[in-house]
């Protein structure tokens, strides 16, 4: 069934509130999940509402948490999410990143004691619309081996980046460092669909096309050892600098646990005006875009998502009947 974005946000907000989230947490989380759904990222969209509600009911996420800045110096700051859901802390970090980059030319904000955050393109896109170059990182529970290893220690550790353009939507790059985002395997497992070989290993270290077996096993890194090395870099940026939990210290999201994951995120923002200058940066960006589009078939990173979002704002989003019924039951409507 197709519903409007407003209806989707209202349902998700009500469902999260009923599960124990405070009003700000429920609204900001619903906003992020619906935005991900609208841009075609169903694995990070409305399918996550039930999982987040479970975390809240079980005490794995604190619905009363209010994120706050606990340490700061110049362009750097540490945000403590208080073991709440991630999106309020990300919104606070985004605001701190923008303010400090405007003052210092560059800012780096880390978040500690946080939770699952799949839609990392959202904060960097908003920062790019303010004229800032922005990168965001997050770690996640163990899913991939370190380079040369066999047992999962690192998360899939998504990376997002956004770059302002002149009179055009920002160029946005958003990717997990696994061969595929874990959310896609989660959706396949829920729907009983197989996954392509090369995405994951089972618990015995064997290649598998069984999505449920993949969730019990290990993800394969994008680009092999090189992708795993990049995931290691993200782990250090998100965890060691902010005092969060490493992926191997966080319990899987797909198994019962009373323990908050205490994950870490980081946002880097740069004001182009502090370097070559805003106009010089925009000139260089347009030169790059022109060169890229000189090859037939090239699509700029983020363009497909922008198009899907624009259509969803007008025509709504298609939600499977079973998921819609679940959301309405959770929202008590």
Protein backbone atom coordinates (compact mmCIF):
# COMPACT_ATOMS: atom_id res chain seq x y z
CA UNK A 1 0.00 0.00 0.00
CA UNK A 2 1.19 3.54 -0.69
CA UNK A 3 1.18 6.06 2.15
CA UNK A 4 2.38 9.64 2.40
CA UNK A 5 5.65 10.56 4.08
CA UNK A 6 3.69 12.43 6.75
CA UNK A 7 1.65 9.32 7.55
CA UNK A 8 4.79 7.18 7.63
CA UNK A 9 6.50 9.60 10.03
CA UNK A 10 3.42 9.72 12.25
CA UNK A 11 3.18 5.93 12.42
CA UNK A 12 6.87 5.46 13.17
CA UNK A 13 6.81 8.23 15.79
CA UNK A 14 3.78 6.75 17.53
CA UNK A 15 5.26 3.24 17.47
CA UNK A 16 8.55 4.39 18.99
CA UNK A 17 6.78 6.53 21.57
CA UNK A 18 4.63 3.56 22.60
CA UNK A 19 7.83 1.54 23.04
CA UNK A 20 9.28 4.12 25.44
CA UNK A 21 11.13 6.73 23.38
CA UNK A 22 10.88 10.33 24.53
CA UNK A 23 9.18 12.72 22.07
CA UNK A 24 12.40 14.11 20.57
CA UNK A 25 13.96 10.69 20.15
CA UNK A 26 10.83 9.23 18.58
CA UNK A 27 10.39 12.13 16.13
CA UNK A 28 14.04 12.36 15.01
CA UNK A 29 14.35 8.59 14.63
CA UNK A 30 11.12 8.40 12.64
CA UNK A 31 12.29 11.27 10.44
CA UNK A 32 15.54 9.45 9.65
CA UNK A 33 13.89 6.09 8.97
CA UNK A 34 11.28 7.59 6.67
CA UNK A 35 13.91 9.63 4.83
CA UNK A 36 15.91 6.44 4.25
CA UNK A 37 12.77 4.68 3.03
CA UNK A 38 11.97 7.55 0.65
CA UNK A 39 15.40 7.42 -0.95
CA UNK A 40 15.12 3.68 -1.59
CA UNK A 41 17.12 2.43 1.40
CA UNK A 42 14.49 0.07 2.78
CA UNK A 43 17.06 -1.83 4.84
CA UNK A 44 17.55 1.33 6.93
CA UNK A 45 13.95 2.45 6.77
CA UNK A 46 10.61 1.45 8.26
CA UNK A 47 11.70 -2.17 8.67
CA UNK A 48 13.89 -0.92 11.54
CA UNK A 49 10.99 0.43 13.62
CA UNK A 50 10.16 -2.93 15.20
CA UNK A 51 13.82 -3.62 15.96
CA UNK A 52 14.30 -0.21 17.59
CA UNK A 53 11.07 -0.64 19.56
CA UNK A 54 12.36 -3.97 20.82
CA UNK A 55 15.60 -2.36 21.96
CA UNK A 56 13.61 0.27 23.86
CA UNK A 57 11.30 -2.23 25.54
CA UNK A 58 14.20 -4.51 26.51
CA UNK A 59 16.28 -1.69 27.96
CA UNK A 60 18.99 -2.09 25.34
CA UNK A 61 18.26 1.51 24.36
CA UNK A 62 17.32 4.16 26.91
CA UNK A 63 14.21 5.97 25.71
CA UNK A 64 14.71 8.76 28.24
CA UNK A 65 18.24 9.63 27.05
CA UNK A 66 19.05 13.20 26.02
CA UNK A 67 22.36 13.57 24.13
CA UNK A 68 24.78 16.20 25.38
CA UNK A 69 28.25 17.57 24.69
CA UNK A 70 30.57 16.32 27.44
CA UNK A 71 33.98 17.47 26.19
CA UNK A 72 35.02 20.19 23.75
CA UNK A 73 38.02 22.16 22.55
CA UNK A 74 38.07 24.37 19.50
CA UNK A 75 36.70 22.49 16.52
CA UNK A 76 36.48 19.19 18.40
CA UNK A 77 33.67 17.93 20.61
CA UNK A 78 32.45 14.70 22.17
CA UNK A 79 28.71 13.95 22.27
CA UNK A 80 27.39 11.36 24.71
CA UNK A 81 24.24 9.70 23.36
CA UNK A 82 23.42 8.31 26.82
CA UNK A 83 22.69 4.84 25.37
CA UNK A 84 19.67 6.21 23.54
CA UNK A 85 18.82 5.67 19.89
CA UNK A 86 21.40 7.25 17.59
CA UNK A 87 19.56 9.91 15.62
CA UNK A 88 19.12 12.58 18.32
CA UNK A 89 22.86 12.37 19.05
CA UNK A 90 23.63 12.58 15.35
CA UNK A 91 21.46 15.69 15.01
CA UNK A 92 23.28 17.33 17.94
CA UNK A 93 26.66 16.34 16.46
CA UNK A 94 25.59 17.75 13.09
CA UNK A 95 24.73 21.10 14.68
CA UNK A 96 28.02 21.17 16.57
CA UNK A 97 29.92 20.28 13.40
CA UNK A 98 28.32 23.14 11.46
CA UNK A 99 28.87 25.70 14.21
CA UNK A 100 32.48 24.75 14.89
CA UNK A 101 33.41 24.49 11.20
CA UNK A 102 32.04 28.00 10.66
CA UNK A 103 34.20 29.27 13.52
CA UNK A 104 37.37 27.22 13.05
CA UNK A 105 37.26 26.17 9.39
CA UNK A 106 37.10 22.49 10.32
CA UNK A 107 35.36 20.42 12.97
CA UNK A 108 35.45 16.83 14.17
CA UNK A 109 32.67 15.54 16.40
CA UNK A 110 32.62 12.06 17.91
CA UNK A 111 29.62 10.35 19.50
CA UNK A 112 29.91 7.73 22.22
CA UNK A 113 27.43 5.42 23.98
CA UNK A 114 25.21 5.34 20.89
CA UNK A 115 23.22 2.80 18.93
CA UNK A 116 22.56 1.54 15.43
CA UNK A 117 22.79 4.26 12.76
CA UNK A 118 22.24 3.12 9.20
CA UNK A 119 21.22 6.32 7.42
CA UNK A 120 24.57 8.14 7.65
CA UNK A 121 24.03 10.09 4.43
CA UNK A 122 21.34 12.22 6.07
CA UNK A 123 23.55 14.40 8.32
CA UNK A 124 26.24 14.91 5.69
CA UNK A 125 23.69 15.91 3.06
CA UNK A 126 22.23 18.52 5.39
CA UNK A 127 25.72 19.86 6.15
CA UNK A 128 26.55 20.03 2.44
CA UNK A 129 23.40 22.06 1.86
CA UNK A 130 24.92 24.57 4.29
CA UNK A 131 28.02 24.77 2.09
CA UNK A 132 30.24 22.39 4.07
CA UNK A 133 32.19 19.36 2.91
CA UNK A 134 31.13 16.61 5.33
CA UNK A 135 32.06 13.04 6.12
CA UNK A 136 30.37 10.70 8.60
CA UNK A 137 31.41 7.33 9.97
CA UNK A 138 29.93 4.74 12.29
CA UNK A 139 31.05 1.43 13.70
CA UNK A 140 28.68 -1.46 14.30
CA UNK A 141 28.70 -4.85 16.06
CA UNK A 142 31.27 -7.36 14.83
CA UNK A 143 30.52 -8.71 11.37
CA UNK A 144 33.78 -8.83 9.35
CA UNK A 145 37.29 -10.15 10.00
CA UNK A 146 40.30 -7.85 10.21
CA UNK A 147 42.71 -8.06 7.24
CA UNK A 148 44.15 -11.57 7.21
CA UNK A 149 41.79 -12.80 9.95
CA UNK A 150 38.90 -15.25 9.94
CA UNK A 151 36.67 -14.44 12.92
CA UNK A 152 34.45 -11.34 12.85
CA UNK A 153 35.89 -8.42 14.83
CA UNK A 154 34.96 -5.33 12.82
CA UNK A 155 31.57 -3.90 11.98
CA UNK A 156 30.44 -3.19 8.44
CA UNK A 157 31.29 0.41 9.38
CA UNK A 158 29.51 2.63 6.85
CA UNK A 159 31.07 5.80 5.46
CA UNK A 160 29.16 8.75 4.00
CA UNK A 161 30.43 11.93 2.37
CA UNK A 162 28.69 14.94 0.84
CA UNK A 163 30.08 17.75 -1.28
CA UNK A 164 28.28 21.03 -2.02
CA UNK A 165 27.66 22.07 -5.61
CA UNK A 166 26.73 25.36 -7.23
CA UNK A 167 22.99 25.51 -7.99
CA UNK A 168 22.62 21.75 -7.69
CA UNK A 169 22.01 19.08 -5.07
CA UNK A 170 25.13 17.95 -3.19
CA UNK A 171 27.09 14.99 -4.46
CA UNK A 172 26.58 12.27 -1.84
CA UNK A 173 28.55 9.04 -1.41
CA UNK A 174 27.16 6.48 1.05
CA UNK A 175 28.46 2.95 1.42
CA UNK A 176 29.07 0.18 3.89
CA UNK A 177 32.52 -1.36 3.82
CA UNK A 178 31.09 -4.84 3.51
CA UNK A 179 30.37 -6.22 0.05
CA UNK A 180 26.76 -5.25 0.70
CA UNK A 181 24.97 -3.37 3.49
CA UNK A 182 23.93 -5.72 6.29
CA UNK A 183 20.45 -4.21 6.18
CA UNK A 184 19.89 -5.81 2.75
CA UNK A 185 20.70 -9.24 4.17
CA UNK A 186 18.38 -8.56 7.10
CA UNK A 187 15.52 -7.73 4.73
CA UNK A 188 16.27 -10.85 2.64
CA UNK A 189 16.23 -13.01 5.78
CA UNK A 190 12.91 -11.55 6.86
CA UNK A 191 11.40 -12.18 3.43
CA UNK A 192 12.95 -15.64 3.07
CA UNK A 193 14.94 -14.73 -0.03
CA UNK A 194 18.43 -16.01 -0.88
CA UNK A 195 21.37 -13.65 -1.24
CA UNK A 196 24.04 -13.69 -3.97
CA UNK A 197 27.17 -15.71 -3.32
CA UNK A 198 30.07 -13.46 -2.38
CA UNK A 199 28.15 -11.40 0.15
CA UNK A 200 28.78 -13.43 3.29
CA UNK A 201 30.04 -16.56 5.03
CA UNK A 202 28.13 -18.86 7.39
CA UNK A 203 29.21 -19.57 10.97
CA UNK A 204 31.64 -22.23 9.71
CA UNK A 205 33.38 -19.78 7.37
CA UNK A 206 31.82 -21.21 4.20
CA UNK A 207 30.30 -19.08 1.41
CA UNK A 208 26.52 -18.99 1.73
CA UNK A 209 23.44 -17.78 -0.11
CA UNK A 210 21.24 -18.29 2.96
CA UNK A 211 20.48 -14.86 4.43
CA UNK A 212 19.76 -16.22 7.92
CA UNK A 213 23.01 -18.20 7.91
CA UNK A 214 24.82 -15.05 6.80
CA UNK A 215 23.48 -13.13 9.80
CA UNK A 216 24.95 -15.84 12.05
CA UNK A 217 28.25 -15.82 10.18
CA UNK A 218 30.47 -13.09 8.76
CA UNK A 219 30.10 -10.42 6.11
CA UNK A 220 32.69 -10.22 3.37
CA UNK A 221 34.54 -6.93 3.08
CA UNK A 222 34.21 -4.83 -0.06
CA UNK A 223 37.45 -5.24 -1.99
CA UNK A 224 38.77 -7.96 0.29
CA UNK A 225 41.64 -6.98 2.58
CA UNK A 226 41.53 -3.36 1.38
CA UNK A 227 37.92 -2.96 2.45
CA UNK A 228 38.68 -4.61 5.78
CA UNK A 229 41.57 -2.18 6.31
CA UNK A 230 39.25 0.77 5.69
CA UNK A 231 36.78 -0.70 8.20
CA UNK A 232 39.63 -0.83 10.69
CA UNK A 233 40.30 2.88 10.10
CA UNK A 234 36.63 3.69 10.74
CA UNK A 235 36.66 1.59 13.91
CA UNK A 236 39.52 3.65 15.32
CA UNK A 237 37.99 7.00 14.31
CA UNK A 238 34.62 6.18 15.84
CA UNK A 239 35.73 4.28 18.92
CA UNK A 240 39.23 5.03 20.13
CA UNK A 241 38.81 8.82 19.85
CA UNK A 242 35.46 8.91 21.61
CA UNK A 243 35.70 6.04 24.08
CA UNK A 244 32.90 3.96 22.56
CA UNK A 245 32.77 0.16 22.24
CA UNK A 246 34.60 -1.69 19.50
CA UNK A 247 32.54 -3.92 17.22
CA UNK A 248 33.80 -7.07 18.93
CA UNK A 249 32.66 -5.64 22.31
CA UNK A 250 29.09 -5.02 21.15
CA UNK A 251 26.50 -7.80 21.06
CA UNK A 252 24.88 -8.54 17.73
CA UNK A 253 21.67 -6.68 16.95
CA UNK A 254 20.20 -9.95 15.73
CA UNK A 255 20.46 -11.89 19.00
CA UNK A 256 18.76 -11.23 22.35
CA UNK A 257 20.91 -9.16 24.70
CA UNK A 258 20.35 -6.85 27.67
CA UNK A 259 23.49 -4.85 26.88
CA UNK A 260 23.47 -1.41 25.22
CA UNK A 261 25.87 -1.55 22.25
CA UNK A 262 27.68 1.72 23.16
CA UNK A 263 28.65 2.30 19.52
CA UNK A 264 30.51 5.30 18.18
CA UNK A 265 30.00 7.70 15.28
CA UNK A 266 32.04 10.61 13.95
CA UNK A 267 31.35 13.64 11.75
CA UNK A 268 34.03 15.70 10.01
CA UNK A 269 33.04 19.04 8.48
CA UNK A 270 35.21 21.42 6.46
CA UNK A 271 34.39 24.98 5.39
CA UNK A 272 35.81 25.40 1.85
CA UNK A 273 36.11 29.12 2.57
CA UNK A 274 38.93 28.36 5.00
CA UNK A 275 41.08 26.84 2.23
CA UNK A 276 41.08 27.73 -1.49
CA UNK A 277 37.79 29.58 -1.00
CA UNK A 278 34.13 28.72 -1.53
CA UNK A 279 33.97 29.86 -5.15
CA UNK A 280 37.20 28.08 -6.04
CA UNK A 281 35.88 24.90 -4.47
CA UNK A 282 32.59 25.11 -6.36
CA UNK A 283 34.45 25.79 -9.61
CA UNK A 284 36.57 22.70 -9.07
CA UNK A 285 33.52 20.62 -8.21
CA UNK A 286 31.76 21.63 -11.42
CA UNK A 287 34.88 20.80 -13.43
CA UNK A 288 34.85 17.33 -11.87
CA UNK A 289 31.13 16.85 -12.50
CA UNK A 290 31.49 17.95 -16.12
CA UNK A 291 34.31 15.48 -16.66
CA UNK A 292 32.36 12.66 -15.03
CA UNK A 293 29.23 13.28 -17.09
CA UNK A 294 31.31 13.34 -20.26
CA UNK A 295 31.03 9.54 -20.27
CA UNK A 296 27.65 8.22 -21.34
CA UNK A 297 25.89 6.27 -18.62
CA UNK A 298 27.56 7.98 -15.67
CA UNK A 299 25.20 8.82 -12.82
CA UNK A 300 26.42 11.13 -10.10
CA UNK A 301 26.57 9.62 -6.62
CA UNK A 302 23.36 10.39 -4.78
CA UNK A 303 21.38 11.36 -7.88
CA UNK A 304 19.19 8.25 -7.83
CA UNK A 305 18.33 8.79 -4.17
CA UNK A 306 17.48 12.43 -4.80
CA UNK A 307 15.13 11.41 -7.59
CA UNK A 308 13.41 8.77 -5.48
CA UNK A 309 12.98 11.22 -2.61
CA UNK A 310 11.46 13.85 -4.89
CA UNK A 311 8.95 11.29 -6.19
CA UNK A 312 8.16 10.07 -2.68
CA UNK A 313 7.44 13.61 -1.50
CA UNK A 314 4.72 13.84 -4.12
CA UNK A 315 3.45 10.28 -4.45
CA UNK A 316 4.31 8.71 -1.10
CA UNK A 317 6.08 5.40 -0.48
CA UNK A 318 4.99 1.83 -1.05
CA UNK A 319 4.93 -0.13 2.21
CA UNK A 320 4.32 -3.90 2.21
CA UNK A 321 0.93 -4.74 3.73
CA UNK A 322 2.44 -6.87 6.50
CA UNK A 323 4.86 -4.11 7.53
CA UNK A 324 2.13 -1.48 7.44
CA UNK A 325 -0.13 -3.64 9.60
CA UNK A 326 2.74 -4.15 12.05
CA UNK A 327 3.41 -0.41 12.27
CA UNK A 328 -0.26 0.38 12.83
CA UNK A 329 -0.49 -2.23 15.56
CA UNK A 330 2.62 -0.88 17.27
CA UNK A 331 1.27 2.68 16.97
CA UNK A 332 -2.14 1.55 18.32
CA UNK A 333 -4.06 3.00 15.37
